[in-house]
Amino acid sequence: MILSFKPQFKDKILQGSKIHTIRADPHNRWHEGRKIHFATGVRTKNYNCFKMGVCRGVQSLFIRYSKSINFVEIWIDDLLKTSTNIAHAYAYDYLKTLARNDGFESVDDFFKWFNADFQGKIIHWTDFKY
């Protein structure tokens, strides 16, 4: 299956610093063993499949915000991994690792991208798991 990426993630994938992606998967399509076509410009004349790979595993992810108290929870595989005030989230090594492994420069950048409640999957193309 094709995984579409913004151009800023291409080099990070090729260099091995982005080792997974986080996606909604309402139809439960992603599972271990599924072929991955890493691409930019999907559905445009600039389509570029820049890498082929295999899904090595998936983990469920749930991000829950409480805007009234500026709080966020991160659940992976139904286990609460982090519960923190967003202003202090940068101090947590666990969140730094999650953000970096998903191709973001900082926890702040991660939360700018995932800025609302989210339910989906972490799609792994390495053996790393949380």
N, C-alpha and C. Protein backbone atom coordinates (compact mmCIF):
# COMPACT_ATOMS: atom_id res chain seq x y z
N MET A 1 0.83 -1.17 0.00
CA MET A 1 0.00 0.00 0.00
C MET A 1 0.88 1.24 0.00
N ILE A 2 0.35 2.29 -0.53
CA ILE A 2 1.07 3.56 -0.60
C ILE A 2 0.91 4.32 0.70
N LEU A 3 2.05 4.80 1.22
CA LEU A 3 2.05 5.75 2.32
C LEU A 3 2.53 7.07 1.76
N SER A 4 1.69 8.08 1.83
CA SER A 4 2.02 9.40 1.31
C SER A 4 2.69 10.24 2.40
N PHE A 5 3.78 10.91 2.03
CA PHE A 5 4.51 11.73 2.99
C PHE A 5 4.70 13.13 2.43
N LYS A 6 4.73 14.10 3.33
CA LYS A 6 5.12 15.46 2.97
C LYS A 6 6.61 15.42 2.62
N PRO A 7 7.05 16.27 1.70
CA PRO A 7 8.46 16.24 1.28
C PRO A 7 9.46 16.37 2.42
N GLN A 8 9.10 17.08 3.50
CA GLN A 8 10.06 17.27 4.58
C GLN A 8 10.43 15.98 5.30
N PHE A 9 9.65 14.91 5.10
CA PHE A 9 9.95 13.65 5.77
C PHE A 9 10.76 12.68 4.91
N LYS A 10 10.88 12.93 3.64
CA LYS A 10 11.56 11.99 2.73
C LYS A 10 12.98 11.70 3.17
N ASP A 11 13.81 12.73 3.36
CA ASP A 11 15.20 12.50 3.73
C ASP A 11 15.32 11.82 5.09
N LYS A 12 14.43 12.14 6.01
CA LYS A 12 14.47 11.51 7.33
C LYS A 12 14.17 10.01 7.24
N ILE A 13 13.29 9.64 6.34
CA ILE A 13 13.00 8.22 6.13
C ILE A 13 14.21 7.54 5.50
N LEU A 14 14.75 8.15 4.46
CA LEU A 14 15.89 7.56 3.77
C LEU A 14 17.14 7.46 4.66
N GLN A 15 17.31 8.43 5.56
CA GLN A 15 18.45 8.43 6.48
C GLN A 15 18.23 7.55 7.70
N GLY A 16 16.99 7.12 7.92
CA GLY A 16 16.69 6.23 9.03
C GLY A 16 16.36 6.91 10.34
N SER A 17 16.17 8.23 10.34
CA SER A 17 15.81 8.89 11.60
C SER A 17 14.30 8.90 11.83
N LYS A 18 13.50 8.82 10.78
CA LYS A 18 12.04 8.64 10.90
C LYS A 18 11.80 7.15 10.71
N ILE A 19 11.40 6.48 11.81
CA ILE A 19 11.32 5.02 11.77
C ILE A 19 9.89 4.50 11.82
N HIS A 20 8.93 5.40 11.86
CA HIS A 20 7.52 4.99 11.80
C HIS A 20 6.68 6.18 11.38
N THR A 21 5.42 5.93 11.13
CA THR A 21 4.47 7.00 10.84
C THR A 21 3.21 6.76 11.64
N ILE A 22 2.51 7.82 11.91
CA ILE A 22 1.27 7.75 12.67
C ILE A 22 0.12 8.10 11.73
N ARG A 23 -0.84 7.20 11.63
CA ARG A 23 -1.95 7.39 10.70
C ARG A 23 -3.26 6.92 11.30
N ALA A 24 -4.34 7.57 10.90
CA ALA A 24 -5.67 7.04 11.17
C ALA A 24 -5.82 5.79 10.30
N ASP A 25 -6.50 4.81 10.78
CA ASP A 25 -6.70 3.58 10.02
C ASP A 25 -8.11 3.05 10.29
N PRO A 26 -9.14 3.81 9.86
CA PRO A 26 -10.51 3.43 10.21
C PRO A 26 -10.96 2.10 9.62
N HIS A 27 -10.31 1.65 8.55
CA HIS A 27 -10.71 0.39 7.92
C HIS A 27 -9.76 -0.75 8.26
N ASN A 28 -8.84 -0.51 9.23
CA ASN A 28 -7.93 -1.54 9.72
C ASN A 28 -7.13 -2.20 8.60
N ARG A 29 -6.56 -1.39 7.73
CA ARG A 29 -5.82 -1.91 6.58
C ARG A 29 -4.36 -2.25 6.90
N TRP A 30 -3.80 -1.55 7.89
CA TRP A 30 -2.38 -1.75 8.17
C TRP A 30 -2.16 -2.88 9.16
N HIS A 31 -1.27 -3.80 8.76
CA HIS A 31 -0.91 -4.93 9.62
C HIS A 31 0.47 -5.41 9.21
N GLU A 32 1.08 -6.17 10.09
CA GLU A 32 2.42 -6.70 9.85
C GLU A 32 2.44 -7.50 8.55
N GLY A 33 3.48 -7.27 7.76
CA GLY A 33 3.67 -7.99 6.50
C GLY A 33 3.17 -7.24 5.28
N ARG A 34 2.39 -6.18 5.45
CA ARG A 34 1.87 -5.41 4.32
C ARG A 34 3.02 -4.64 3.68
N LYS A 35 3.08 -4.68 2.35
CA LYS A 35 4.11 -3.93 1.62
C LYS A 35 3.83 -2.44 1.72
N ILE A 36 4.92 -1.67 1.81
CA ILE A 36 4.81 -0.21 1.91
C ILE A 36 5.50 0.41 0.70
N HIS A 37 4.80 1.29 0.02
CA HIS A 37 5.36 2.12 -1.04
C HIS A 37 5.44 3.53 -0.45
N PHE A 38 6.64 3.96 -0.09
CA PHE A 38 6.85 5.29 0.47
C PHE A 38 6.84 6.29 -0.68
N ALA A 39 6.01 7.31 -0.60
CA ALA A 39 5.87 8.21 -1.75
C ALA A 39 5.58 9.64 -1.32
N THR A 40 5.97 10.55 -2.19
CA THR A 40 5.57 11.95 -2.11
C THR A 40 4.76 12.27 -3.36
N GLY A 41 4.01 13.34 -3.31
CA GLY A 41 3.24 13.77 -4.49
C GLY A 41 2.16 12.81 -4.92
N VAL A 42 1.62 12.05 -3.97
CA VAL A 42 0.58 11.07 -4.31
C VAL A 42 -0.63 11.79 -4.91
N ARG A 43 -1.18 11.20 -5.94
CA ARG A 43 -2.33 11.73 -6.70
C ARG A 43 -2.02 13.05 -7.39
N THR A 44 -0.75 13.24 -7.73
CA THR A 44 -0.36 14.41 -8.52
C THR A 44 0.60 13.96 -9.62
N LYS A 45 0.92 14.87 -10.53
CA LYS A 45 1.88 14.54 -11.58
C LYS A 45 3.30 14.44 -11.03
N ASN A 46 3.49 14.84 -9.77
CA ASN A 46 4.81 14.77 -9.14
C ASN A 46 4.99 13.53 -8.26
N TYR A 47 4.17 12.49 -8.49
CA TYR A 47 4.27 11.25 -7.71
C TYR A 47 5.69 10.71 -7.77
N ASN A 48 6.21 10.35 -6.58
CA ASN A 48 7.55 9.78 -6.50
C ASN A 48 7.58 8.71 -5.43
N CYS A 49 7.66 7.46 -5.84
CA CYS A 49 7.83 6.35 -4.90
C CYS A 49 9.34 6.26 -4.65
N PHE A 50 9.77 6.74 -3.48
CA PHE A 50 11.19 6.87 -3.21
C PHE A 50 11.77 5.70 -2.42
N LYS A 51 10.92 4.79 -1.96
CA LYS A 51 11.40 3.65 -1.18
C LYS A 51 10.32 2.59 -1.13
N MET A 52 10.74 1.34 -1.02
CA MET A 52 9.83 0.22 -0.79
C MET A 52 10.20 -0.40 0.55
N GLY A 53 9.21 -0.93 1.24
CA GLY A 53 9.46 -1.56 2.52
C GLY A 53 8.33 -2.49 2.90
N VAL A 54 8.39 -2.96 4.13
CA VAL A 54 7.38 -3.87 4.67
C VAL A 54 7.00 -3.40 6.06
N CYS A 55 5.74 -3.44 6.37
CA CYS A 55 5.26 -3.12 7.70
C CYS A 55 5.73 -4.21 8.66
N ARG A 56 6.49 -3.80 9.68
CA ARG A 56 7.05 -4.74 10.65
C ARG A 56 6.17 -4.86 11.89
N GLY A 57 5.13 -4.03 11.95
CA GLY A 57 4.21 -4.09 13.08
C GLY A 57 3.42 -2.81 13.20
N VAL A 58 2.33 -2.88 13.94
CA VAL A 58 1.50 -1.70 14.22
C VAL A 58 1.19 -1.66 15.71
N GLN A 59 1.00 -0.45 16.20
CA GLN A 59 0.58 -0.26 17.57
C GLN A 59 -0.55 0.77 17.57
N SER A 60 -1.55 0.53 18.39
CA SER A 60 -2.64 1.51 18.47
C SER A 60 -2.13 2.75 19.21
N LEU A 61 -2.66 3.90 18.81
CA LEU A 61 -2.29 5.17 19.43
C LEU A 61 -3.54 5.99 19.67
N PHE A 62 -3.63 6.56 20.86
CA PHE A 62 -4.72 7.46 21.18
C PHE A 62 -4.13 8.68 21.88
N ILE A 63 -4.40 9.85 21.34
CA ILE A 63 -3.99 11.11 21.94
C ILE A 63 -5.26 11.80 22.41
N ARG A 64 -5.31 12.12 23.70
CA ARG A 64 -6.50 12.77 24.25
C ARG A 64 -6.10 14.09 24.92
N TYR A 65 -6.78 15.14 24.49
CA TYR A 65 -6.53 16.47 25.03
C TYR A 65 -7.62 16.87 26.01
N SER A 66 -7.23 17.63 27.00
CA SER A 66 -8.17 18.33 27.86
C SER A 66 -7.78 19.80 27.76
N LYS A 67 -8.38 20.48 26.81
CA LYS A 67 -8.01 21.87 26.51
C LYS A 67 -8.26 22.79 27.71
N SER A 68 -9.27 22.48 28.50
CA SER A 68 -9.60 23.37 29.61
C SER A 68 -8.46 23.47 30.63
N ILE A 69 -7.68 22.40 30.76
CA ILE A 69 -6.55 22.44 31.69
C ILE A 69 -5.22 22.24 30.96
N ASN A 70 -5.24 22.34 29.62
CA ASN A 70 -4.01 22.27 28.82
C ASN A 70 -3.23 20.99 29.11
N PHE A 71 -3.91 19.87 29.07
CA PHE A 71 -3.36 18.57 29.44
C PHE A 71 -3.47 17.61 28.27
N VAL A 72 -2.53 16.68 28.16
CA VAL A 72 -2.59 15.67 27.09
C VAL A 72 -2.21 14.31 27.65
N GLU A 73 -2.88 13.28 27.14
CA GLU A 73 -2.55 11.89 27.46
C GLU A 73 -2.17 11.18 26.16
N ILE A 74 -1.16 10.32 26.25
CA ILE A 74 -0.75 9.48 25.13
C ILE A 74 -0.93 8.03 25.54
N TRP A 75 -1.76 7.31 24.80
CA TRP A 75 -2.01 5.89 25.05
C TRP A 75 -1.46 5.10 23.87
N ILE A 76 -0.66 4.07 24.13
CA ILE A 76 -0.16 3.17 23.09
C ILE A 76 -0.52 1.75 23.50
N ASP A 77 -1.15 1.03 22.59
CA ASP A 77 -1.63 -0.34 22.85
C ASP A 77 -2.42 -0.39 24.16
N ASP A 78 -3.31 0.58 24.34
CA ASP A 78 -4.22 0.66 25.48
C ASP A 78 -3.51 0.84 26.83
N LEU A 79 -2.25 1.27 26.81
CA LEU A 79 -1.52 1.57 28.03
C LEU A 79 -1.22 3.06 28.07
N LEU A 80 -1.52 3.69 29.19
CA LEU A 80 -1.22 5.11 29.34
C LEU A 80 0.29 5.27 29.45
N LYS A 81 0.88 5.96 28.47
CA LYS A 81 2.33 6.14 28.44
C LYS A 81 2.74 7.48 29.03
N THR A 82 1.94 8.51 28.80
CA THR A 82 2.28 9.85 29.28
C THR A 82 0.99 10.60 29.57
N SER A 83 1.00 11.33 30.66
CA SER A 83 -0.10 12.22 31.01
C SER A 83 0.56 13.46 31.59
N THR A 84 0.45 14.59 30.87
CA THR A 84 1.22 15.76 31.27
C THR A 84 0.56 17.06 30.83
N ASN A 85 0.94 18.12 31.45
CA ASN A 85 0.59 19.46 31.00
C ASN A 85 1.38 19.72 29.72
N ILE A 86 0.72 20.20 28.70
CA ILE A 86 1.37 20.40 27.40
C ILE A 86 2.58 21.32 27.52
N ALA A 87 2.51 22.31 28.38
CA ALA A 87 3.63 23.24 28.55
C ALA A 87 4.89 22.54 29.06
N HIS A 88 4.74 21.40 29.73
CA HIS A 88 5.89 20.68 30.28
C HIS A 88 6.22 19.41 29.48
N ALA A 89 5.52 19.17 28.39
CA ALA A 89 5.68 17.93 27.64
C ALA A 89 7.09 17.76 27.08
N TYR A 90 7.76 18.87 26.76
CA TYR A 90 9.10 18.80 26.19
C TYR A 90 10.10 18.16 27.15
N ALA A 91 9.79 18.10 28.43
CA ALA A 91 10.70 17.56 29.43
C ALA A 91 10.67 16.03 29.49
N TYR A 92 9.72 15.41 28.84
CA TYR A 92 9.57 13.96 28.93
C TYR A 92 10.34 13.27 27.81
N ASP A 93 11.32 12.45 28.19
CA ASP A 93 12.13 11.73 27.20
C ASP A 93 11.25 10.84 26.32
N TYR A 94 10.21 10.26 26.90
CA TYR A 94 9.32 9.39 26.13
C TYR A 94 8.69 10.16 24.96
N LEU A 95 8.23 11.37 25.23
CA LEU A 95 7.62 12.18 24.18
C LEU A 95 8.66 12.65 23.17
N LYS A 96 9.86 12.96 23.63
CA LYS A 96 10.94 13.34 22.72
C LYS A 96 11.24 12.20 21.76
N THR A 97 11.28 10.98 22.28
CA THR A 97 11.56 9.81 21.44
C THR A 97 10.44 9.59 20.42
N LEU A 98 9.19 9.67 20.87
CA LEU A 98 8.05 9.50 19.97
C LEU A 98 8.09 10.54 18.86
N ALA A 99 8.29 11.80 19.23
CA ALA A 99 8.32 12.89 18.24
C ALA A 99 9.48 12.70 17.26
N ARG A 100 10.66 12.42 17.76
CA ARG A 100 11.85 12.26 16.90
C ARG A 100 11.68 11.06 15.96
N ASN A 101 11.19 9.94 16.50
CA ASN A 101 11.01 8.74 15.68
C ASN A 101 9.95 8.93 14.60
N ASP A 102 9.06 9.90 14.80
CA ASP A 102 8.04 10.18 13.79
C ASP A 102 8.47 11.31 12.85
N GLY A 103 9.71 11.79 13.01
CA GLY A 103 10.27 12.74 12.06
C GLY A 103 10.17 14.20 12.45
N PHE A 104 9.76 14.48 13.69
CA PHE A 104 9.63 15.86 14.12
C PHE A 104 10.89 16.31 14.84
N GLU A 105 11.18 17.59 14.75
CA GLU A 105 12.37 18.16 15.38
C GLU A 105 12.18 18.31 16.89
N SER A 106 10.95 18.45 17.34
CA SER A 106 10.70 18.70 18.76
C SER A 106 9.32 18.19 19.16
N VAL A 107 9.11 18.13 20.46
CA VAL A 107 7.79 17.77 20.99
C VAL A 107 6.78 18.85 20.60
N ASP A 108 7.21 20.10 20.62
CA ASP A 108 6.32 21.19 20.20
C ASP A 108 5.84 20.99 18.77
N ASP A 109 6.75 20.63 17.86
CA ASP A 109 6.37 20.38 16.47
C ASP A 109 5.39 19.21 16.37
N PHE A 110 5.62 18.17 17.16
CA PHE A 110 4.71 17.01 17.19
C PHE A 110 3.31 17.45 17.58
N PHE A 111 3.20 18.27 18.63
CA PHE A 111 1.88 18.71 19.10
C PHE A 111 1.26 19.77 18.20
N LYS A 112 2.04 20.44 17.40
CA LYS A 112 1.45 21.33 16.38
C LYS A 112 0.78 20.50 15.29
N TRP A 113 1.37 19.36 14.96
CA TRP A 113 0.82 18.46 13.93
C TRP A 113 -0.39 17.70 14.48
N PHE A 114 -0.23 17.11 15.66
CA PHE A 114 -1.31 16.37 16.33
C PHE A 114 -1.89 17.29 17.40
N ASN A 115 -2.75 18.21 16.97
CA ASN A 115 -3.23 19.27 17.85
C ASN A 115 -4.68 19.08 18.31
N ALA A 116 -5.19 17.86 18.16
CA ALA A 116 -6.54 17.53 18.60
C ALA A 116 -6.56 16.05 18.96
N ASP A 117 -7.64 15.63 19.61
CA ASP A 117 -7.77 14.20 19.91
C ASP A 117 -7.53 13.40 18.64
N PHE A 118 -6.85 12.27 18.78
CA PHE A 118 -6.50 11.45 17.62
C PHE A 118 -6.55 9.98 18.02
N GLN A 119 -7.08 9.16 17.12
CA GLN A 119 -7.06 7.72 17.31
C GLN A 119 -6.57 7.10 16.02
N GLY A 120 -5.55 6.27 16.11
CA GLY A 120 -5.00 5.65 14.91
C GLY A 120 -3.95 4.61 15.26
N LYS A 121 -2.96 4.51 14.37
CA LYS A 121 -1.92 3.50 14.53
C LYS A 121 -0.55 4.09 14.29
N ILE A 122 0.42 3.50 14.97
CA ILE A 122 1.82 3.73 14.64
C ILE A 122 2.20 2.60 13.71
N ILE A 123 2.60 2.95 12.49
CA ILE A 123 2.99 1.96 11.49
C ILE A 123 4.51 1.89 11.47
N HIS A 124 5.04 0.74 11.85
CA HIS A 124 6.49 0.55 11.97
C HIS A 124 7.06 -0.15 10.74
N TRP A 125 8.21 0.34 10.28
CA TRP A 125 8.95 -0.38 9.23
C TRP A 125 10.33 -0.82 9.74
N THR A 126 10.52 -0.71 11.07
CA THR A 126 11.69 -1.29 11.72
C THR A 126 11.16 -2.19 12.84
N ASP A 127 12.06 -2.82 13.58
CA ASP A 127 11.65 -3.70 14.69
C ASP A 127 11.37 -2.93 15.97
N PHE A 128 11.60 -1.63 15.99
CA PHE A 128 11.38 -0.82 17.19
C PHE A 128 9.90 -0.82 17.55
N LYS A 129 9.63 -0.94 18.85
CA LYS A 129 8.25 -0.84 19.37
C LYS A 129 8.30 -0.07 20.68
N TYR A 130 7.17 0.53 21.04
CA TYR A 130 7.05 1.24 22.32
C TYR A 130 6.49 0.32 23.37
